[in-house]
Amino acid sequence: MNKWQFLDFFWNQFDVPAYDENTVPENLDFPYITYESITATFEYPLVITASIWDRSKSWERSAMTADKIAKEVHKMRGSSYEIEEGRVRVFMDDTPFSQRMADDNLDIRHTVINIGIEYMIQY
């Protein structure tokens, strides 16, 4: 898989559909995840932001999804995925991992997730 395919693979493994934030279909059912499609040259870490979107009176479902993401990132500590031309590792960065955001619609739950990604050349 290439860098773009890895991003889609990573964000779609949490039992919630995930979409590149630039290609979100209209009229989606909640919940869903949107993510930034950012890649970098190899050997340069970067931070990627994703959003969990839900329609609910409670934060419970969003929090459960954020917890699944955090567990996967922690599980990956010290390991990486193989991609074309190298490997990629996902890690917690110095930025806050999860933050709840306000929305004008009081039934919308928006949680922002920040993770670090590093593409590494495999020698």
C-alpha atoms as a PDB file:
ATOM      1  CA  MET A   1       0.000   0.000   0.000  1.00  0.00           C
ATOM      2  CA  ASN A   2       1.155   3.571  -0.563  1.00  0.00           C
ATOM      3  CA  LYS A   3       1.065   6.526   1.872  1.00  0.00           C
ATOM      4  CA  TRP A   4      -2.462   7.600   0.870  1.00  0.00           C
ATOM      5  CA  GLN A   5      -3.818   4.070   1.141  1.00  0.00           C
ATOM      6  CA  PHE A   6      -2.230   3.728   4.576  1.00  0.00           C
ATOM      7  CA  LEU A   7      -4.127   6.780   5.854  1.00  0.00           C
ATOM      8  CA  ASP A   8      -7.414   5.304   4.612  1.00  0.00           C
ATOM      9  CA  PHE A   9      -6.543   1.902   6.130  1.00  0.00           C
ATOM     10  CA  PHE A  10      -5.552   3.380   9.484  1.00  0.00           C
ATOM     11  CA  TRP A  11      -8.634   5.561  10.007  1.00  0.00           C
ATOM     12  CA  ASN A  12     -11.091   2.911   8.785  1.00  0.00           C
ATOM     13  CA  GLN A  13     -10.171   0.272  11.379  1.00  0.00           C
ATOM     14  CA  PHE A  14     -12.267   1.668  14.261  1.00  0.00           C
ATOM     15  CA  ASP A  15     -15.782   0.417  13.347  1.00  0.00           C
ATOM     16  CA  VAL A  16     -16.740   3.898  12.123  1.00  0.00           C
ATOM     17  CA  PRO A  17     -16.523   4.870   8.425  1.00  0.00           C
ATOM     18  CA  ALA A  18     -13.678   7.303   7.719  1.00  0.00           C
ATOM     19  CA  TYR A  19     -13.207   9.710   4.832  1.00  0.00           C
ATOM     20  CA  ASP A  20     -10.507  12.015   3.549  1.00  0.00           C
ATOM     21  CA  GLU A  21     -11.806  15.421   4.681  1.00  0.00           C
ATOM     22  CA  ASN A  22     -11.760  16.610   1.058  1.00  0.00           C
ATOM     23  CA  THR A  23     -13.968  13.788  -0.252  1.00  0.00           C
ATOM     24  CA  VAL A  24     -16.716  13.401   2.348  1.00  0.00           C
ATOM     25  CA  PRO A  25     -19.960  12.197   0.754  1.00  0.00           C
ATOM     26  CA  GLU A  26     -23.053  14.332   1.327  1.00  0.00           C
ATOM     27  CA  ASN A  27     -25.813  13.310   3.744  1.00  0.00           C
ATOM     28  CA  LEU A  28     -23.743  10.807   5.720  1.00  0.00           C
ATOM     29  CA  ASP A  29     -25.199   8.881   8.607  1.00  0.00           C
ATOM     30  CA  PHE A  30     -23.496   9.513  11.938  1.00  0.00           C
ATOM     31  CA  PRO A  31     -21.013   8.631  13.337  1.00  0.00           C
ATOM     32  CA  TYR A  32     -18.093   9.027  10.941  1.00  0.00           C
ATOM     33  CA  ILE A  33     -14.464  10.145  10.933  1.00  0.00           C
ATOM     34  CA  THR A  34     -12.811  12.692   8.657  1.00  0.00           C
ATOM     35  CA  TYR A  35      -9.026  12.920   8.400  1.00  0.00           C
ATOM     36  CA  GLU A  36      -6.401  15.146   6.840  1.00  0.00           C
ATOM     37  CA  SER A  37      -4.643  13.665   3.841  1.00  0.00           C
ATOM     38  CA  ILE A  38      -1.135  14.828   4.536  1.00  0.00           C
ATOM     39  CA  THR A  39       2.001  12.980   3.641  1.00  0.00           C
ATOM     40  CA  ALA A  40       5.623  13.980   3.929  1.00  0.00           C
ATOM     41  CA  THR A  41       8.879  12.880   2.464  1.00  0.00           C
ATOM     42  CA  PHE A  42      10.455   9.972   4.252  1.00  0.00           C
ATOM     43  CA  GLU A  43      12.166  10.600   7.606  1.00  0.00           C
ATOM     44  CA  TYR A  44      10.105  13.699   8.506  1.00  0.00           C
ATOM     45  CA  PRO A  45       7.483  13.226  11.228  1.00  0.00           C
ATOM     46  CA  LEU A  46       4.240  15.194  10.992  1.00  0.00           C
ATOM     47  CA  VAL A  47       1.012  15.611  12.943  1.00  0.00           C
ATOM     48  CA  ILE A  48      -2.270  14.605  11.344  1.00  0.00           C
ATOM     49  CA  THR A  49      -5.658  15.734  12.621  1.00  0.00           C
ATOM     50  CA  ALA A  50      -8.837  13.722  12.350  1.00  0.00           C
ATOM     51  CA  SER A  51     -12.368  14.486  13.522  1.00  0.00           C
ATOM     52  CA  ILE A  52     -14.944  12.154  14.975  1.00  0.00           C
ATOM     53  CA  TRP A  53     -18.450  13.369  14.111  1.00  0.00           C
ATOM     54  CA  ASP A  54     -21.572  12.107  15.848  1.00  0.00           C
ATOM     55  CA  ARG A  55     -25.177  13.175  16.320  1.00  0.00           C
ATOM     56  CA  SER A  56     -26.102  12.451  19.917  1.00  0.00           C
ATOM     57  CA  LYS A  57     -27.023  14.054  23.214  1.00  0.00           C
ATOM     58  CA  SER A  58     -24.066  12.207  24.771  1.00  0.00           C
ATOM     59  CA  TRP A  59     -20.299  12.153  24.187  1.00  0.00           C
ATOM     60  CA  GLU A  60     -20.171   8.417  24.961  1.00  0.00           C
ATOM     61  CA  ARG A  61     -19.917   7.030  21.406  1.00  0.00           C
ATOM     62  CA  SER A  62     -17.332   9.640  20.370  1.00  0.00           C
ATOM     63  CA  ALA A  63     -15.293   8.931  23.500  1.00  0.00           C
ATOM     64  CA  MET A  64     -15.367   5.190  22.808  1.00  0.00           C
ATOM     65  CA  THR A  65     -14.073   5.770  19.272  1.00  0.00           C
ATOM     66  CA  ALA A  66     -11.318   8.081  20.549  1.00  0.00           C
ATOM     67  CA  ASP A  67     -10.349   5.406  23.093  1.00  0.00           C
ATOM     68  CA  LYS A  68     -10.110   2.765  20.322  1.00  0.00           C
ATOM     69  CA  ILE A  69      -7.795   5.062  18.353  1.00  0.00           C
ATOM     70  CA  ALA A  70      -5.640   5.763  21.411  1.00  0.00           C
ATOM     71  CA  LYS A  71      -5.345   2.041  22.191  1.00  0.00           C
ATOM     72  CA  GLU A  72      -4.264   1.270  18.614  1.00  0.00           C
ATOM     73  CA  VAL A  73      -1.627   4.013  18.677  1.00  0.00           C
ATOM     74  CA  HIS A  74      -0.300   2.807  22.052  1.00  0.00           C
ATOM     75  CA  LYS A  75      -0.307  -0.792  20.807  1.00  0.00           C
ATOM     76  CA  MET A  76       1.869   0.281  17.872  1.00  0.00           C
ATOM     77  CA  ARG A  77       4.539   1.776  20.122  1.00  0.00           C
ATOM     78  CA  GLY A  78       7.865   0.562  18.752  1.00  0.00           C
ATOM     79  CA  SER A  79       6.325  -1.071  15.679  1.00  0.00           C
ATOM     80  CA  SER A  80       5.420   0.104  12.194  1.00  0.00           C
ATOM     81  CA  TYR A  81       3.416  -0.812   9.090  1.00  0.00           C
ATOM     82  CA  GLU A  82       5.060  -1.755   5.810  1.00  0.00           C
ATOM     83  CA  ILE A  83       4.190   0.464   2.849  1.00  0.00           C
ATOM     84  CA  GLU A  84       5.645   0.990  -0.628  1.00  0.00           C
ATOM     85  CA  GLU A  85       9.257   2.192  -0.398  1.00  0.00           C
ATOM     86  CA  GLY A  86       9.420   1.906   3.389  1.00  0.00           C
ATOM     87  CA  ARG A  87       7.516   1.788   6.638  1.00  0.00           C
ATOM     88  CA  VAL A  88       5.210   4.094   8.588  1.00  0.00           C
ATOM     89  CA  ARG A  89       4.826   4.466  12.322  1.00  0.00           C
ATOM     90  CA  VAL A  90       2.001   6.155  14.188  1.00  0.00           C
ATOM     91  CA  PHE A  91       2.659   7.752  17.580  1.00  0.00           C
ATOM     92  CA  MET A  92       1.372  10.196  20.163  1.00  0.00           C
ATOM     93  CA  ASP A  93       2.871  13.644  19.629  1.00  0.00           C
ATOM     94  CA  ASP A  94       3.358  16.482  22.124  1.00  0.00           C
ATOM     95  CA  THR A  95       0.048  17.995  20.997  1.00  0.00           C
ATOM     96  CA  PRO A  96      -3.165  17.088  22.848  1.00  0.00           C
ATOM     97  CA  PHE A  97      -4.471  13.725  21.622  1.00  0.00           C
ATOM     98  CA  SER A  98      -8.206  14.390  21.907  1.00  0.00           C
ATOM     99  CA  GLN A  99     -10.265  17.545  22.264  1.00  0.00           C
ATOM    100  CA  ARG A 100     -14.022  18.073  22.297  1.00  0.00           C
ATOM    101  CA  MET A 101     -15.206  20.922  20.088  1.00  0.00           C
ATOM    102  CA  ALA A 102     -18.367  23.006  20.276  1.00  0.00           C
ATOM    103  CA  ASP A 103     -20.858  23.038  17.419  1.00  0.00           C
ATOM    104  CA  ASP A 104     -23.751  25.399  16.701  1.00  0.00           C
ATOM    105  CA  ASN A 105     -26.012  22.344  16.584  1.00  0.00           C
ATOM    106  CA  LEU A 106     -26.206  21.088  20.182  1.00  0.00           C
ATOM    107  CA  ASP A 107     -26.815  17.509  18.968  1.00  0.00           C
ATOM    108  CA  ILE A 108     -23.505  17.358  17.045  1.00  0.00           C
ATOM    109  CA  ARG A 109     -20.520  15.901  18.887  1.00  0.00           C
ATOM    110  CA  HIS A 110     -17.174  16.816  17.298  1.00  0.00           C
ATOM    111  CA  THR A 111     -13.968  15.383  18.738  1.00  0.00           C
ATOM    112  CA  VAL A 112     -10.583  16.336  17.257  1.00  0.00           C
ATOM    113  CA  ILE A 113      -7.796  13.724  17.351  1.00  0.00           C
ATOM    114  CA  ASN A 114      -4.085  14.495  16.772  1.00  0.00           C
ATOM    115  CA  ILE A 115      -1.547  11.775  16.020  1.00  0.00           C
ATOM    116  CA  GLY A 116       2.013  11.771  14.791  1.00  0.00           C
ATOM    117  CA  ILE A 117       3.016   9.890  11.657  1.00  0.00           C
ATOM    118  CA  GLU A 118       6.492   9.216  10.364  1.00  0.00           C
ATOM    119  CA  TYR A 119       7.299   7.663   7.012  1.00  0.00           C
ATOM    120  CA  MET A 120      10.598   5.789   7.178  1.00  0.00           C
ATOM    121  CA  ILE A 121      12.791   4.537   4.355  1.00  0.00           C
ATOM    122  CA  GLN A 122      13.424   0.819   4.563  1.00  0.00           C
ATOM    123  CA  TYR A 123      17.041   0.025   3.791  1.00  0.00           C
END
